[in-house]
Amino acid sequence: MDDAFVYALGIAISPVPIAAVLLILSTPRGSARAMAFAGGWVFGVAVTLLLFVLLVDGFNVDVSRSTWAGVAGVVVGIVFIAVAARIWRRPRAHDDPHPWLDAIECATPGRSMTLGLVLSCGNPKVFALSLAAALSLAAADAAAATTALTIPLFAAIATIGIVVPIAVYAVTPTENAAWLIRARGWLEAHERAILVALGFLIGAFFLAEGLRSLL
């Protein structure tokens, strides 16, 4: 079951939502809108994990069989590595600068919350790691109370990457927060490298876990 929290950390290290919250914080009334964005993100992650937990339980998936779990791990690992390799080989001219990042500068708290919800619920990485967490909970034969506690904890851990900039901003005077713009610029400039590294690391983790179950 501890694997579920490892998957949550994988979600927490997501450059796109972190860049979005850095941009929000660098604008007027950024604190309130950043908190709304974080609320949408954490709610989306929690709902995604809950849905996968219900699906795994509803379809009576026998995750206790090491063969089934091993094959699933290998497949997910290969997918992550393939996506990372595709991003790595993609010409830099095709790297879009995420125009929606500029659009959120004037977004209301409500729209910021919606954006956080969309970025979590519509994120393939969140899907894959939430499914893996749901399977690990089923494999551990966790009680209903334990699962109910794990879901909000999972979502909270998955939000660390967004909450840290908000916490730093809270203790940093707004007029001295130029680091927010620099941090966002660095994150966007190195987004490809971060995505590739995370893809290979997460893929290698799934592959290792899958092969361990099969062998």
Protein backbone atom coordinates (compact mmCIF):
# COMPACT_ATOMS: atom_id res chain seq x y z
CA MET A 1 0.00 0.00 0.00
CA ASP A 2 2.98 2.29 0.55
CA ASP A 3 3.48 2.20 -3.21
CA ALA A 4 0.39 4.38 -3.54
CA PHE A 5 2.20 7.28 -1.90
CA VAL A 6 5.20 6.79 -4.20
CA TYR A 7 2.83 7.18 -7.14
CA ALA A 8 1.42 10.32 -5.52
CA LEU A 9 4.93 11.82 -5.43
CA GLY A 10 5.22 11.08 -9.14
CA ILE A 11 2.11 13.16 -9.73
CA ALA A 12 3.41 15.96 -7.49
CA ILE A 13 6.44 16.46 -9.76
CA SER A 14 4.45 17.75 -12.73
CA PRO A 15 6.00 20.78 -14.48
CA VAL A 16 2.85 22.09 -16.21
CA PRO A 17 0.66 22.68 -13.11
CA ILE A 18 3.67 24.00 -11.19
CA ALA A 19 4.37 26.49 -14.00
CA ALA A 20 0.69 27.47 -13.97
CA VAL A 21 0.64 28.18 -10.24
CA LEU A 22 3.89 30.16 -10.49
CA LEU A 23 2.31 32.31 -13.17
CA ILE A 24 -0.86 32.81 -11.10
CA LEU A 25 1.18 33.85 -8.07
CA SER A 26 3.05 36.48 -10.09
CA THR A 27 -0.21 38.31 -10.92
CA PRO A 28 -2.43 40.60 -8.79
CA ARG A 29 -4.53 38.70 -6.23
CA GLY A 30 -2.42 35.69 -7.11
CA SER A 31 -2.64 34.07 -3.69
CA ALA A 32 -6.43 33.59 -3.77
CA ARG A 33 -6.40 32.33 -7.36
CA ALA A 34 -3.48 30.00 -6.68
CA MET A 35 -5.32 28.49 -3.72
CA ALA A 36 -8.37 28.00 -5.95
CA PHE A 37 -6.18 26.31 -8.57
CA ALA A 38 -4.70 24.01 -5.92
CA GLY A 39 -8.20 23.19 -4.69
CA GLY A 40 -9.29 22.16 -8.16
CA TRP A 41 -6.14 20.09 -8.65
CA VAL A 42 -6.39 18.19 -5.35
CA PHE A 43 -10.10 17.53 -5.88
CA GLY A 44 -9.46 16.21 -9.39
CA VAL A 45 -6.71 13.87 -8.19
CA ALA A 46 -8.88 12.56 -5.35
CA VAL A 47 -11.84 11.93 -7.66
CA THR A 48 -9.62 10.18 -10.22
CA LEU A 49 -8.19 7.81 -7.61
CA LEU A 50 -11.66 7.18 -6.15
CA LEU A 51 -13.05 6.26 -9.56
CA PHE A 52 -10.22 3.81 -10.21
CA VAL A 53 -10.64 2.26 -6.75
CA LEU A 54 -14.35 1.76 -7.46
CA LEU A 55 -13.64 0.33 -10.93
CA VAL A 56 -11.04 -2.13 -9.64
CA ASP A 57 -13.42 -3.22 -6.90
CA GLY A 58 -16.46 -3.27 -9.18
CA PHE A 59 -14.82 -5.48 -11.80
CA ASN A 60 -13.37 -7.76 -9.10
CA VAL A 61 -9.87 -7.48 -10.54
CA ASP A 62 -7.72 -10.21 -9.01
CA VAL A 63 -4.56 -8.20 -8.39
CA SER A 64 -3.27 -10.86 -6.03
CA ARG A 65 -2.12 -12.82 -9.05
CA SER A 66 1.51 -11.84 -9.58
CA THR A 67 1.29 -12.60 -13.32
CA TRP A 68 -1.54 -10.13 -13.89
CA ALA A 69 0.11 -7.41 -11.81
CA GLY A 70 3.46 -8.05 -13.47
CA VAL A 71 2.10 -7.74 -17.00
CA ALA A 72 0.25 -4.54 -16.06
CA GLY A 73 3.44 -3.07 -14.61
CA VAL A 74 5.48 -3.94 -17.68
CA VAL A 75 2.87 -2.45 -20.03
CA VAL A 76 2.60 0.81 -18.07
CA GLY A 77 6.39 1.03 -17.85
CA ILE A 78 6.79 0.60 -21.60
CA VAL A 79 4.15 3.27 -22.27
CA PHE A 80 5.89 5.81 -20.03
CA ILE A 81 9.29 5.09 -21.59
CA ALA A 82 7.83 5.29 -25.12
CA VAL A 83 6.20 8.65 -24.41
CA ALA A 84 9.42 9.97 -22.85
CA ALA A 85 11.41 8.81 -25.89
CA ARG A 86 8.93 10.49 -28.24
CA ILE A 87 9.24 13.79 -26.35
CA TRP A 88 13.04 13.48 -26.40
CA ARG A 89 13.14 12.87 -30.16
CA ARG A 90 10.58 15.57 -30.98
CA PRO A 91 12.10 18.56 -32.80
CA ARG A 92 12.35 21.61 -30.56
CA ALA A 93 10.46 23.62 -33.17
CA HIS A 94 7.38 21.58 -32.25
CA ASP A 95 7.55 22.48 -28.57
CA ASP A 96 4.46 24.60 -27.97
CA PRO A 97 4.80 27.29 -25.26
CA HIS A 98 1.41 26.39 -23.72
CA PRO A 99 -0.55 29.50 -24.77
CA TRP A 100 -3.15 28.72 -22.09
CA LEU A 101 -0.55 29.73 -19.49
CA ASP A 102 -0.84 33.31 -20.69
CA ALA A 103 -4.65 33.10 -20.70
CA ILE A 104 -4.83 32.34 -16.96
CA GLU A 105 -3.17 35.62 -16.00
CA CYS A 106 -6.60 37.31 -15.89
CA ALA A 107 -8.60 34.24 -14.82
CA THR A 108 -10.97 34.54 -11.87
CA PRO A 109 -10.62 32.24 -8.84
CA GLY A 110 -13.49 30.15 -10.23
CA ARG A 111 -11.77 29.70 -13.57
CA SER A 112 -8.48 28.97 -11.83
CA MET A 113 -10.17 26.19 -9.86
CA THR A 114 -11.67 24.82 -13.07
CA LEU A 115 -8.25 24.85 -14.71
CA GLY A 116 -6.74 22.91 -11.80
CA LEU A 117 -9.56 20.39 -12.06
CA VAL A 118 -9.13 19.97 -15.82
CA LEU A 119 -5.33 19.63 -15.60
CA SER A 120 -5.68 16.82 -13.04
CA CYS A 121 -8.70 14.95 -14.39
CA GLY A 122 -7.51 15.18 -17.99
CA ASN A 123 -3.88 14.26 -17.33
CA PRO A 124 -2.69 10.84 -18.64
CA LYS A 125 0.09 10.81 -16.05
CA VAL A 126 -2.44 11.27 -13.25
CA PHE A 127 -4.57 8.52 -14.80
CA ALA A 128 -1.71 6.00 -14.96
CA LEU A 129 -0.33 6.66 -11.47
CA SER A 130 -3.81 6.77 -9.91
CA LEU A 131 -4.65 3.42 -11.52
CA ALA A 132 -1.39 1.99 -10.19
CA ALA A 133 -2.26 3.30 -6.73
CA ALA A 134 -5.74 1.76 -6.91
CA LEU A 135 -4.23 -1.59 -7.89
CA SER A 136 -1.72 -1.42 -5.04
CA LEU A 137 -4.54 -0.78 -2.57
CA ALA A 138 -6.45 -3.77 -3.95
CA ALA A 139 -3.35 -5.95 -3.80
CA ALA A 140 -2.84 -5.00 -0.15
CA ASP A 141 -6.48 -5.95 0.50
CA ALA A 142 -6.89 -2.65 2.33
CA ALA A 143 -9.97 -2.21 4.48
CA ALA A 144 -12.59 0.32 3.43
CA ALA A 145 -11.57 2.68 6.24
CA THR A 146 -7.92 2.49 5.19
CA THR A 147 -8.79 3.18 1.57
CA ALA A 148 -11.00 6.10 2.59
CA LEU A 149 -8.07 7.61 4.49
CA THR A 150 -5.55 6.87 1.75
CA ILE A 151 -7.47 8.75 -0.97
CA PRO A 152 -7.24 12.24 0.63
CA LEU A 153 -3.64 11.56 1.73
CA PHE A 154 -2.76 10.52 -1.82
CA ALA A 155 -4.33 13.70 -3.20
CA ALA A 156 -2.54 15.85 -0.62
CA ILE A 157 0.86 14.36 -1.46
CA ALA A 158 0.14 14.79 -5.18
CA THR A 159 -0.38 18.50 -4.53
CA ILE A 160 2.98 19.14 -2.82
CA GLY A 161 4.54 20.49 -6.02
CA ILE A 162 1.84 23.15 -6.21
CA VAL A 163 1.56 23.90 -2.48
CA VAL A 164 5.28 24.58 -1.94
CA PRO A 165 5.37 27.69 -4.20
CA ILE A 166 2.16 28.95 -2.56
CA ALA A 167 3.68 28.50 0.91
CA VAL A 168 6.89 30.26 -0.09
CA TYR A 169 4.85 33.08 -1.60
CA ALA A 170 2.90 33.45 1.64
CA VAL A 171 6.07 34.34 3.57
CA THR A 172 7.64 36.40 0.78
CA PRO A 173 6.66 40.05 0.26
CA THR A 174 4.91 40.49 -3.07
CA GLU A 175 7.30 43.22 -4.19
CA ASN A 176 10.25 40.85 -3.75
CA ALA A 177 8.61 37.93 -5.56
CA ALA A 178 10.48 38.33 -8.86
CA TRP A 179 11.74 34.79 -8.28
CA LEU A 180 8.28 33.58 -9.33
CA ILE A 181 8.81 34.85 -12.86
CA ARG A 182 12.35 33.46 -12.97
CA ALA A 183 11.17 30.09 -11.65
CA ARG A 184 8.41 29.87 -14.22
CA GLY A 185 10.85 30.78 -17.01
CA TRP A 186 13.32 28.12 -15.87
CA LEU A 187 10.57 25.52 -15.63
CA GLU A 188 9.28 26.26 -19.13
CA ALA A 189 12.81 26.33 -20.55
CA HIS A 190 13.61 22.90 -19.09
CA GLU A 191 10.16 21.33 -19.38
CA ARG A 192 11.27 18.87 -22.07
CA ALA A 193 14.19 17.60 -19.97
CA ILE A 194 11.99 17.29 -16.87
CA LEU A 195 9.26 15.38 -18.73
CA VAL A 196 11.80 13.03 -20.34
CA ALA A 197 13.58 12.34 -17.05
CA LEU A 198 10.32 11.73 -15.19
CA GLY A 199 9.01 9.51 -17.99
CA PHE A 200 12.10 7.32 -17.97
CA LEU A 201 12.25 7.15 -14.15
CA ILE A 202 8.58 6.29 -13.73
CA GLY A 203 8.72 3.85 -16.64
CA ALA A 204 11.80 2.13 -15.18
CA PHE A 205 10.06 1.88 -11.81
CA PHE A 206 6.99 0.20 -13.32
CA LEU A 207 9.13 -2.11 -15.43
CA ALA A 208 11.19 -3.18 -12.43
CA GLU A 209 8.08 -3.80 -10.34
CA GLY A 210 6.41 -5.70 -13.15
CA LEU A 211 9.41 -7.90 -13.87
CA ARG A 212 9.85 -8.57 -10.16
CA SER A 213 6.28 -9.88 -10.02
CA LEU A 214 6.78 -12.06 -13.09
CA LEU A 215 10.12 -13.57 -12.09
